[in-house]
C-alpha atoms as a PDB file:
ATOM      1  CA  MET A   1       0.054   0.192   0.058  1.00  0.00           C
ATOM      2  CA  ALA A   2       1.483   3.197  -0.553  1.00  0.00           C
ATOM      3  CA  VAL A   3       1.156   6.819   0.532  1.00  0.00           C
ATOM      4  CA  ASN A   4      -2.016   8.210  -0.191  1.00  0.00           C
ATOM      5  CA  TYR A   5      -1.902  12.039  -1.105  1.00  0.00           C
ATOM      6  CA  GLN A   6      -5.266  12.541  -2.264  1.00  0.00           C
ATOM      7  CA  VAL A   7      -6.772  12.580   1.211  1.00  0.00           C
ATOM      8  CA  GLU A   8      -8.655  15.500   2.947  1.00  0.00           C
ATOM      9  CA  LYS A   9      -6.139  17.858   4.602  1.00  0.00           C
ATOM     10  CA  TYR A  10      -8.111  17.462   7.886  1.00  0.00           C
ATOM     11  CA  GLY A  11      -5.336  18.917  10.249  1.00  0.00           C
ATOM     12  CA  SER A  12      -4.525  21.816   8.342  1.00  0.00           C
ATOM     13  CA  GLY A  13      -6.679  24.149  10.943  1.00  0.00           C
ATOM     14  CA  MET A  14      -6.113  22.345  13.937  1.00  0.00           C
ATOM     15  CA  ARG A  15      -5.449  24.990  16.951  1.00  0.00           C
ATOM     16  CA  ILE A  16      -3.418  22.436  18.840  1.00  0.00           C
ATOM     17  CA  ASN A  17      -0.779  19.500  17.700  1.00  0.00           C
ATOM     18  CA  VAL A  18      -2.865  16.203  17.817  1.00  0.00           C
ATOM     19  CA  ALA A  19      -0.735  13.089  16.987  1.00  0.00           C
ATOM     20  CA  ALA A  20      -1.528  10.338  15.360  1.00  0.00           C
ATOM     21  CA  MET A  21      -0.689   6.892  16.220  1.00  0.00           C
ATOM     22  CA  PRO A  22       1.354   5.038  13.816  1.00  0.00           C
ATOM     23  CA  GLY A  23      -0.921   1.633  13.902  1.00  0.00           C
ATOM     24  CA  TRP A  24      -3.524   3.299  12.260  1.00  0.00           C
ATOM     25  CA  PHE A  25      -1.561   2.363   9.044  1.00  0.00           C
ATOM     26  CA  PRO A  26      -0.318  -0.388   9.335  1.00  0.00           C
ATOM     27  CA  GLU A  27       0.497  -1.233   5.640  1.00  0.00           C
ATOM     28  CA  LEU A  28       2.643   1.403   5.733  1.00  0.00           C
ATOM     29  CA  SER A  29       6.640   1.901   6.273  1.00  0.00           C
ATOM     30  CA  HIS A  30       7.614   4.151   9.353  1.00  0.00           C
ATOM     31  CA  VAL A  31       8.714   6.637   6.790  1.00  0.00           C
ATOM     32  CA  GLU A  32       5.417   6.326   4.992  1.00  0.00           C
ATOM     33  CA  MET A  33       3.606   6.322   7.833  1.00  0.00           C
ATOM     34  CA  VAL A  34       5.221  10.008   9.008  1.00  0.00           C
ATOM     35  CA  GLN A  35       4.523  11.022   4.912  1.00  0.00           C
ATOM     36  CA  GLN A  36       0.640  10.123   5.313  1.00  0.00           C
ATOM     37  CA  VAL A  37       0.253  11.689   8.746  1.00  0.00           C
ATOM     38  CA  ALA A  38       1.757  15.168   7.015  1.00  0.00           C
ATOM     39  CA  ALA A  39      -0.701  14.716   3.971  1.00  0.00           C
ATOM     40  CA  TYR A  40      -3.670  14.539   6.413  1.00  0.00           C
ATOM     41  CA  GLY A  41      -2.193  18.177   7.342  1.00  0.00           C
ATOM     42  CA  PHE A  42      -1.287  16.530  11.335  1.00  0.00           C
ATOM     43  CA  ARG A  43       2.135  17.798  12.715  1.00  0.00           C
ATOM     44  CA  SER A  44       2.750  15.042  14.992  1.00  0.00           C
ATOM     45  CA  PHE A  45       2.724  11.073  15.723  1.00  0.00           C
ATOM     46  CA  GLU A  46       3.429   9.229  19.103  1.00  0.00           C
ATOM     47  CA  ALA A  47       4.747   5.489  19.309  1.00  0.00           C
ATOM     48  CA  LEU A  48       6.384   5.389  22.511  1.00  0.00           C
ATOM     49  CA  SER A  49       8.139   2.182  21.198  1.00  0.00           C
ATOM     50  CA  ALA A  50       9.890   4.358  18.469  1.00  0.00           C
ATOM     51  CA  GLY A  51      12.783   4.986  20.264  1.00  0.00           C
ATOM     52  CA  LYS A  52      13.511   0.770  19.262  1.00  0.00           C
ATOM     53  CA  TRP A  53      12.922   1.178  15.633  1.00  0.00           C
ATOM     54  CA  THR A  54      16.060   0.435  13.526  1.00  0.00           C
ATOM     55  CA  ASP A  55      14.751   3.090  11.289  1.00  0.00           C
ATOM     56  CA  LYS A  56      15.019   6.285  13.279  1.00  0.00           C
ATOM     57  CA  ALA A  57      17.601   8.420  10.939  1.00  0.00           C
ATOM     58  CA  GLU A  58      15.169   7.812   8.505  1.00  0.00           C
ATOM     59  CA  VAL A  59      12.377   8.792  10.235  1.00  0.00           C
ATOM     60  CA  LYS A  60      13.940  12.054  11.752  1.00  0.00           C
ATOM     61  CA  ALA A  61      15.003  13.236   8.257  1.00  0.00           C
ATOM     62  CA  ALA A  62      11.333  12.803   6.867  1.00  0.00           C
ATOM     63  CA  CYS A  63       9.952  14.362  10.215  1.00  0.00           C
ATOM     64  CA  ILE A  64      11.895  17.238   9.412  1.00  0.00           C
ATOM     65  CA  ASP A  65      11.439  17.727   5.814  1.00  0.00           C
ATOM     66  CA  LEU A  66       7.711  17.556   6.456  1.00  0.00           C
ATOM     67  CA  GLY A  67       7.787  19.448   9.856  1.00  0.00           C
ATOM     68  CA  VAL A  68       6.251  16.567  11.656  1.00  0.00           C
ATOM     69  CA  VAL A  69       7.151  16.116  15.215  1.00  0.00           C
ATOM     70  CA  PRO A  70       7.697  12.842  17.471  1.00  0.00           C
ATOM     71  CA  GLY A  71       6.393  12.362  20.298  1.00  0.00           C
ATOM     72  CA  CYS A  72       7.179  10.806  23.556  1.00  0.00           C
ATOM     73  CA  ILE A  73       9.389   7.518  23.883  1.00  0.00           C
ATOM     74  CA  SER A  74       9.454   4.987  26.571  1.00  0.00           C
ATOM     75  CA  GLY A  75      11.955   6.003  29.311  1.00  0.00           C
ATOM     76  CA  SER A  76      12.065   3.763  32.327  1.00  0.00           C
ATOM     77  CA  GLY A  77      10.012   1.978  34.924  1.00  0.00           C
ATOM     78  CA  SER A  78       6.845  -0.334  34.513  1.00  0.00           C
ATOM     79  CA  ILE A  79       3.568  -0.297  35.798  1.00  0.00           C
ATOM     80  CA  THR A  80       3.088  -3.481  38.020  1.00  0.00           C
ATOM     81  CA  GLY A  81       6.695  -4.541  38.179  1.00  0.00           C
ATOM     82  CA  ASP A  82       9.671  -2.755  39.291  1.00  0.00           C
ATOM     83  CA  GLY A  83      10.101   1.318  39.312  1.00  0.00           C
ATOM     84  CA  PRO A  84      11.472   4.408  40.701  1.00  0.00           C
ATOM     85  CA  VAL A  85       9.565   4.108  43.693  1.00  0.00           C
ATOM     86  CA  ASN A  86      11.967   1.412  44.933  1.00  0.00           C
ATOM     87  CA  LEU A  87      15.478   3.020  45.788  1.00  0.00           C
ATOM     88  CA  SER A  88      16.903  -0.166  44.580  1.00  0.00           C
ATOM     89  CA  PHE A  89      15.837   0.214  40.857  1.00  0.00           C
ATOM     90  CA  HIS A  90      17.462   4.021  40.949  1.00  0.00           C
ATOM     91  CA  ARG A  91      20.608   2.792  38.927  1.00  0.00           C
ATOM     92  CA  LYS A  92      19.001   0.874  36.293  1.00  0.00           C
ATOM     93  CA  PHE A  93      16.428   3.876  36.641  1.00  0.00           C
ATOM     94  CA  GLU A  94      19.556   6.193  35.386  1.00  0.00           C
ATOM     95  CA  LEU A  95      20.978   3.745  32.733  1.00  0.00           C
ATOM     96  CA  ASP A  96      17.498   3.258  30.944  1.00  0.00           C
ATOM     97  CA  ILE A  97      17.014   7.169  31.093  1.00  0.00           C
ATOM     98  CA  ARG A  98      21.040   8.011  29.795  1.00  0.00           C
ATOM     99  CA  ASN A  99      19.816   5.253  26.929  1.00  0.00           C
ATOM    100  CA  ALA A 100      16.632   6.689  26.194  1.00  0.00           C
ATOM    101  CA  ILE A 101      18.016   9.941  25.832  1.00  0.00           C
ATOM    102  CA  GLN A 102      20.255   8.852  23.264  1.00  0.00           C
ATOM    103  CA  GLU A 103      17.425   7.122  21.120  1.00  0.00           C
ATOM    104  CA  ALA A 104      15.655  10.725  21.449  1.00  0.00           C
ATOM    105  CA  GLN A 105      17.875  12.181  19.703  1.00  0.00           C
ATOM    106  CA  ALA A 106      18.417   9.483  17.328  1.00  0.00           C
ATOM    107  CA  LEU A 107      14.506  10.052  16.412  1.00  0.00           C
ATOM    108  CA  GLY A 108      14.580  13.435  16.867  1.00  0.00           C
ATOM    109  CA  THR A 109      11.822  13.649  19.840  1.00  0.00           C
ATOM    110  CA  LYS A 110      12.038  15.693  22.984  1.00  0.00           C
ATOM    111  CA  CYS A 111      10.040  13.999  25.389  1.00  0.00           C
ATOM    112  CA  LEU A 112      10.527  10.958  27.337  1.00  0.00           C
ATOM    113  CA  CYS A 113       7.504   9.018  28.980  1.00  0.00           C
ATOM    114  CA  GLY A 114       8.129   7.193  32.694  1.00  0.00           C
ATOM    115  CA  THR A 115       6.519   4.787  34.742  1.00  0.00           C
ATOM    116  CA  VAL A 116       6.819   4.742  38.432  1.00  0.00           C
ATOM    117  CA  GLY A 117       6.252   1.036  38.970  1.00  0.00           C
ATOM    118  CA  ALA A 118       4.203  -0.584  41.649  1.00  0.00           C
ATOM    119  CA  ALA A 119       3.416   0.468  44.906  1.00  0.00           C
ATOM    120  CA  ILE A 120       5.344  -1.537  47.578  1.00  0.00           C
ATOM    121  CA  GLU A 121       3.440  -2.539  50.300  1.00  0.00           C
ATOM    122  CA  ARG A 122       6.436  -2.405  52.853  1.00  0.00           C
ATOM    123  CA  LEU A 123       7.023   1.225  52.065  1.00  0.00           C
ATOM    124  CA  SER A 124       4.895   4.458  53.044  1.00  0.00           C
ATOM    125  CA  PRO A 125       3.395   6.186  50.449  1.00  0.00           C
ATOM    126  CA  GLU A 126       5.344   9.321  51.701  1.00  0.00           C
ATOM    127  CA  ARG A 127       8.941   7.141  51.049  1.00  0.00           C
ATOM    128  CA  GLN A 128       7.691   6.093  47.588  1.00  0.00           C
ATOM    129  CA  ALA A 129       7.208   9.633  47.025  1.00  0.00           C
ATOM    130  CA  ASP A 130      10.806  10.506  48.559  1.00  0.00           C
ATOM    131  CA  ASN A 131      12.212   7.954  46.465  1.00  0.00           C
ATOM    132  CA  LEU A 132      10.421   9.291  43.280  1.00  0.00           C
ATOM    133  CA  VAL A 133      11.893  12.930  43.869  1.00  0.00           C
ATOM    134  CA  LEU A 134      15.266  11.098  44.578  1.00  0.00           C
ATOM    135  CA  ALA A 135      15.138   9.374  40.767  1.00  0.00           C
ATOM    136  CA  GLY A 136      14.131  12.535  39.645  1.00  0.00           C
ATOM    137  CA  ARG A 137      16.988  14.589  40.747  1.00  0.00           C
ATOM    138  CA  ARG A 138      19.663  11.869  39.834  1.00  0.00           C
ATOM    139  CA  VAL A 139      18.465  12.105  36.297  1.00  0.00           C
ATOM    140  CA  ALA A 140      17.628  15.437  35.807  1.00  0.00           C
ATOM    141  CA  PRO A 141      21.190  17.143  35.121  1.00  0.00           C
ATOM    142  CA  MET A 142      21.470  14.649  31.999  1.00  0.00           C
ATOM    143  CA  LEU A 143      17.941  15.616  30.807  1.00  0.00           C
ATOM    144  CA  GLU A 144      18.803  19.455  30.929  1.00  0.00           C
ATOM    145  CA  ASP A 145      21.889  19.062  29.394  1.00  0.00           C
ATOM    146  CA  ALA A 146      19.977  17.333  26.640  1.00  0.00           C
ATOM    147  CA  GLY A 147      17.100  19.557  26.692  1.00  0.00           C
ATOM    148  CA  ILE A 148      14.758  16.454  26.684  1.00  0.00           C
ATOM    149  CA  THR A 149      11.689  16.062  29.369  1.00  0.00           C
ATOM    150  CA  LEU A 150      10.950  13.013  31.308  1.00  0.00           C
ATOM    151  CA  ASN A 151       7.366  12.897  31.979  1.00  0.00           C
ATOM    152  CA  PHE A 152       5.956  10.590  35.302  1.00  0.00           C
ATOM    153  CA  GLU A 153       2.754   9.126  34.193  1.00  0.00           C
ATOM    154  CA  PRO A 154      -0.191   8.612  36.730  1.00  0.00           C
ATOM    155  CA  LEU A 155      -2.548   5.930  35.647  1.00  0.00           C
ATOM    156  CA  ASN A 156      -5.748   4.560  36.812  1.00  0.00           C
ATOM    157  CA  ILE A 157      -5.957   1.916  39.389  1.00  0.00           C
ATOM    158  CA  ARG A 158      -9.601   1.353  39.227  1.00  0.00           C
ATOM    159  CA  THR A 159     -10.518  -0.117  35.809  1.00  0.00           C
ATOM    160  CA  ASN A 160      -6.982  -0.565  33.962  1.00  0.00           C
ATOM    161  CA  HIS A 161      -3.316  -0.743  36.453  1.00  0.00           C
ATOM    162  CA  HIS A 162      -4.571  -1.861  39.834  1.00  0.00           C
ATOM    163  CA  GLY A 163      -1.425  -1.779  41.949  1.00  0.00           C
ATOM    164  CA  TYR A 164       0.425   0.974  40.592  1.00  0.00           C
ATOM    165  CA  PHE A 165       2.020   3.925  42.480  1.00  0.00           C
ATOM    166  CA  LEU A 166       0.873   7.298  40.800  1.00  0.00           C
ATOM    167  CA  VAL A 167      -2.365   7.641  40.355  1.00  0.00           C
ATOM    168  CA  TYR A 168      -3.672  11.408  41.454  1.00  0.00           C
ATOM    169  CA  THR A 169      -2.490  14.456  39.479  1.00  0.00           C
ATOM    170  CA  GLU A 170      -1.904  16.392  42.919  1.00  0.00           C
ATOM    171  CA  GLN A 171       0.254  13.696  43.769  1.00  0.00           C
ATOM    172  CA  ALA A 172       2.434  13.842  40.884  1.00  0.00           C
ATOM    173  CA  ALA A 173       2.616  17.585  41.238  1.00  0.00           C
ATOM    174  CA  ASP A 174       3.700  17.551  44.384  1.00  0.00           C
ATOM    175  CA  ILE A 175       6.430  15.353  43.513  1.00  0.00           C
ATOM    176  CA  ILE A 176       7.608  17.311  40.391  1.00  0.00           C
ATOM    177  CA  GLU A 177       7.499  20.487  42.192  1.00  0.00           C
ATOM    178  CA  ARG A 178      10.130  18.661  44.688  1.00  0.00           C
ATOM    179  CA  ILE A 179      12.048  17.279  42.141  1.00  0.00           C
ATOM    180  CA  GLY A 180      12.603  21.058  40.623  1.00  0.00           C
ATOM    181  CA  SER A 181      13.666  20.735  37.466  1.00  0.00           C
ATOM    182  CA  PRO A 182      11.983  22.046  34.305  1.00  0.00           C
ATOM    183  CA  ASN A 183      12.758  18.839  32.576  1.00  0.00           C
ATOM    184  CA  VAL A 184      11.090  16.813  34.910  1.00  0.00           C
ATOM    185  CA  LYS A 185       6.956  17.013  34.575  1.00  0.00           C
ATOM    186  CA  ILE A 186       3.997  15.088  34.738  1.00  0.00           C
ATOM    187  CA  LEU A 187       2.195  13.160  31.550  1.00  0.00           C
ATOM    188  CA  TYR A 188      -1.386  13.797  32.053  1.00  0.00           C
ATOM    189  CA  ASP A 189      -3.396  11.395  30.519  1.00  0.00           C
ATOM    190  CA  VAL A 190      -7.020  12.244  30.187  1.00  0.00           C
ATOM    191  CA  TYR A 191      -8.491   9.062  30.012  1.00  0.00           C
ATOM    192  CA  HIS A 192      -6.880   8.049  33.074  1.00  0.00           C
ATOM    193  CA  GLN A 193      -7.614  10.759  34.888  1.00  0.00           C
ATOM    194  CA  GLN A 194     -11.314  11.015  34.384  1.00  0.00           C
ATOM    195  CA  ILE A 195     -11.429   7.794  35.870  1.00  0.00           C
ATOM    196  CA  SER A 196      -8.961   8.441  39.112  1.00  0.00           C
ATOM    197  CA  GLU A 197     -10.422  11.874  39.925  1.00  0.00           C
ATOM    198  CA  GLY A 198     -12.768  13.518  36.990  1.00  0.00           C
ATOM    199  CA  ASN A 199     -12.123  17.342  37.374  1.00  0.00           C
ATOM    200  CA  ILE A 200     -10.661  17.031  33.953  1.00  0.00           C
ATOM    201  CA  ILE A 201     -10.424  21.080  33.014  1.00  0.00           C
ATOM    202  CA  PRO A 202      -9.975  22.744  36.115  1.00  0.00           C
ATOM    203  CA  ASN A 203      -6.723  20.376  36.900  1.00  0.00           C
ATOM    204  CA  ILE A 204      -5.679  20.879  33.550  1.00  0.00           C
ATOM    205  CA  LYS A 205      -5.426  24.686  34.238  1.00  0.00           C
ATOM    206  CA  ARG A 206      -4.582  24.102  38.058  1.00  0.00           C
ATOM    207  CA  PHE A 207      -1.327  22.127  37.359  1.00  0.00           C
ATOM    208  CA  ALA A 208      -0.651  23.460  34.028  1.00  0.00           C
ATOM    209  CA  SER A 209       3.052  24.512  35.169  1.00  0.00           C
ATOM    210  CA  THR A 210       3.971  21.124  36.319  1.00  0.00           C
ATOM    211  CA  ILE A 211       2.837  18.783  33.030  1.00  0.00           C
ATOM    212  CA  GLY A 212       4.912  18.627  30.268  1.00  0.00           C
ATOM    213  CA  HIS A 213       2.634  16.004  27.861  1.00  0.00           C
ATOM    214  CA  TYR A 214      -0.749  14.789  27.073  1.00  0.00           C
ATOM    215  CA  HIS A 215      -2.216  11.872  26.479  1.00  0.00           C
ATOM    216  CA  ILE A 216      -5.914  11.172  25.536  1.00  0.00           C
ATOM    217  CA  GLY A 217      -8.768   8.466  24.913  1.00  0.00           C
ATOM    218  CA  ASP A 218     -12.643   8.822  25.578  1.00  0.00           C
ATOM    219  CA  ASN A 219     -14.176   7.323  28.770  1.00  0.00           C
ATOM    220  CA  PRO A 220     -15.521   4.645  28.991  1.00  0.00           C
ATOM    221  CA  GLY A 221     -14.075   2.339  26.551  1.00  0.00           C
ATOM    222  CA  ARG A 222     -10.562   3.981  25.706  1.00  0.00           C
ATOM    223  CA  HIS A 223     -11.629   4.925  22.267  1.00  0.00           C
ATOM    224  CA  GLU A 224     -11.730   7.859  20.341  1.00  0.00           C
ATOM    225  CA  PRO A 225     -13.188  11.240  20.743  1.00  0.00           C
ATOM    226  CA  GLY A 226     -16.570  11.222  21.141  1.00  0.00           C
ATOM    227  CA  THR A 227     -17.213   7.589  21.889  1.00  0.00           C
ATOM    228  CA  GLY A 228     -17.568   8.363  25.617  1.00  0.00           C
ATOM    229  CA  GLU A 229     -18.843  11.187  27.978  1.00  0.00           C
ATOM    230  CA  LEU A 230     -15.563  13.954  27.599  1.00  0.00           C
ATOM    231  CA  ASN A 231     -15.834  16.952  25.359  1.00  0.00           C
ATOM    232  CA  PHE A 232     -12.361  16.913  24.057  1.00  0.00           C
ATOM    233  CA  ARG A 233     -12.998  20.003  21.925  1.00  0.00           C
ATOM    234  CA  ARG A 234     -13.461  22.242  25.750  1.00  0.00           C
ATOM    235  CA  ILE A 235     -10.790  19.860  26.582  1.00  0.00           C
ATOM    236  CA  PHE A 236      -8.302  20.544  23.479  1.00  0.00           C
ATOM    237  CA  GLN A 237      -9.444  24.595  24.301  1.00  0.00           C
ATOM    238  CA  ALA A 238      -8.345  24.415  27.863  1.00  0.00           C
ATOM    239  CA  ILE A 239      -5.160  22.644  26.842  1.00  0.00           C
ATOM    240  CA  ALA A 240      -4.130  25.422  24.315  1.00  0.00           C
ATOM    241  CA  GLU A 241      -5.436  28.274  27.269  1.00  0.00           C
ATOM    242  CA  THR A 242      -2.565  27.096  29.266  1.00  0.00           C
ATOM    243  CA  GLY A 243       0.117  27.989  26.823  1.00  0.00           C
ATOM    244  CA  TYR A 244       0.735  24.476  26.016  1.00  0.00           C
ATOM    245  CA  THR A 245       2.362  23.995  22.508  1.00  0.00           C
ATOM    246  CA  GLY A 246       3.558  20.614  22.784  1.00  0.00           C
ATOM    247  CA  VAL A 247       2.037  17.296  21.321  1.00  0.00           C
ATOM    248  CA  VAL A 248      -1.238  15.948  22.456  1.00  0.00           C
ATOM    249  CA  ALA A 249      -0.805  12.359  21.907  1.00  0.00           C
ATOM    250  CA  SER A 250      -3.317   9.576  20.845  1.00  0.00           C
ATOM    251  CA  GLU A 251      -3.661   6.655  22.849  1.00  0.00           C
ATOM    252  CA  PHE A 252      -6.508   4.380  22.323  1.00  0.00           C
ATOM    253  CA  SER A 253      -7.853   1.543  20.255  1.00  0.00           C
ATOM    254  CA  LEU A 254     -10.641   3.124  17.334  1.00  0.00           C
ATOM    255  CA  SER A 255     -13.782   2.108  18.396  1.00  0.00           C
ATOM    256  CA  GLU A 256     -15.697  -0.935  15.942  1.00  0.00           C
ATOM    257  CA  GLY A 257     -15.997   0.149  12.532  1.00  0.00           C
ATOM    258  CA  CYS A 258     -13.842   3.588  12.923  1.00  0.00           C
ATOM    259  CA  THR A 259     -11.632   3.823  10.100  1.00  0.00           C
ATOM    260  CA  THR A 260      -8.292   5.796   9.857  1.00  0.00           C
ATOM    261  CA  ASP A 261      -9.987   8.697   7.776  1.00  0.00           C
ATOM    262  CA  GLN A 262     -12.731   8.771  10.334  1.00  0.00           C
ATOM    263  CA  VAL A 263     -10.339   9.108  13.278  1.00  0.00           C
ATOM    264  CA  MET A 264      -8.416  11.832  11.496  1.00  0.00           C
ATOM    265  CA  ARG A 265     -11.298  13.924  10.736  1.00  0.00           C
ATOM    266  CA  VAL A 266     -12.651  13.333  14.301  1.00  0.00           C
ATOM    267  CA  LEU A 267      -9.496  14.874  15.937  1.00  0.00           C
ATOM    268  CA  ALA A 268      -9.025  17.757  13.581  1.00  0.00           C
ATOM    269  CA  GLU A 269     -12.591  18.568  14.543  1.00  0.00           C
ATOM    270  CA  ALA A 270     -11.965  18.502  18.278  1.00  0.00           C
ATOM    271  CA  ALA A 271      -8.727  20.714  17.793  1.00  0.00           C
ATOM    272  CA  THR A 272     -10.119  23.270  15.484  1.00  0.00           C
ATOM    273  CA  TRP A 273     -12.385  26.158  16.832  1.00  0.00           C
END
């Protein structure tokens, strides 16, 4: 399958930089995917696994040529396993982040996603938060030198990720403020935070200074905007009103019957006002 340059340029009027998912273009190579995203008028894509792609140099060149920005790639940690909530993980955390910085530079992104690991029953929540602060401070200098931001992601534990430590925006913001680096922030996932605490727009505005990246998905179901209870046009407007100019990445599965062309149109309509 070749790149279709005759598609509607849905994304040309978007007011925020919403990222497409490479998985929506399964028959295209990574470089062709970048070309197809650009043909739709979109300016970014995100695949957390892209740091492991073997064609990062070619993808980076295509992105530079077409004005497309790669979103976050994976940095370090896990969801149900070990992570920087555990002091003994910190050496591995440092090595992981050092390697992820190199991968990010090869791809051309300035964004890493970090998961913090499962809560540890033998440690108090306060001690685990202290360990996250120590981990963030440990890697902050190398992130600042590279101009790359690590974003710790809170996840919901009601529906998807039972046992994960970092759940609430205020909890994450306190940790980020204590780390005290402009290159360690929150990855705010609208889907997860709707389940964990709701209050999406007020929290986006309240914690804007600590948020470095966004993921989106509707709730319930974690599908494209319009399939659940969230008003994404208002959410996107709220993000724009905070002055955020980075990538807002799609992280959801398509609902039954939804095509790639349809999801590109839906996202663009929500991000145009």
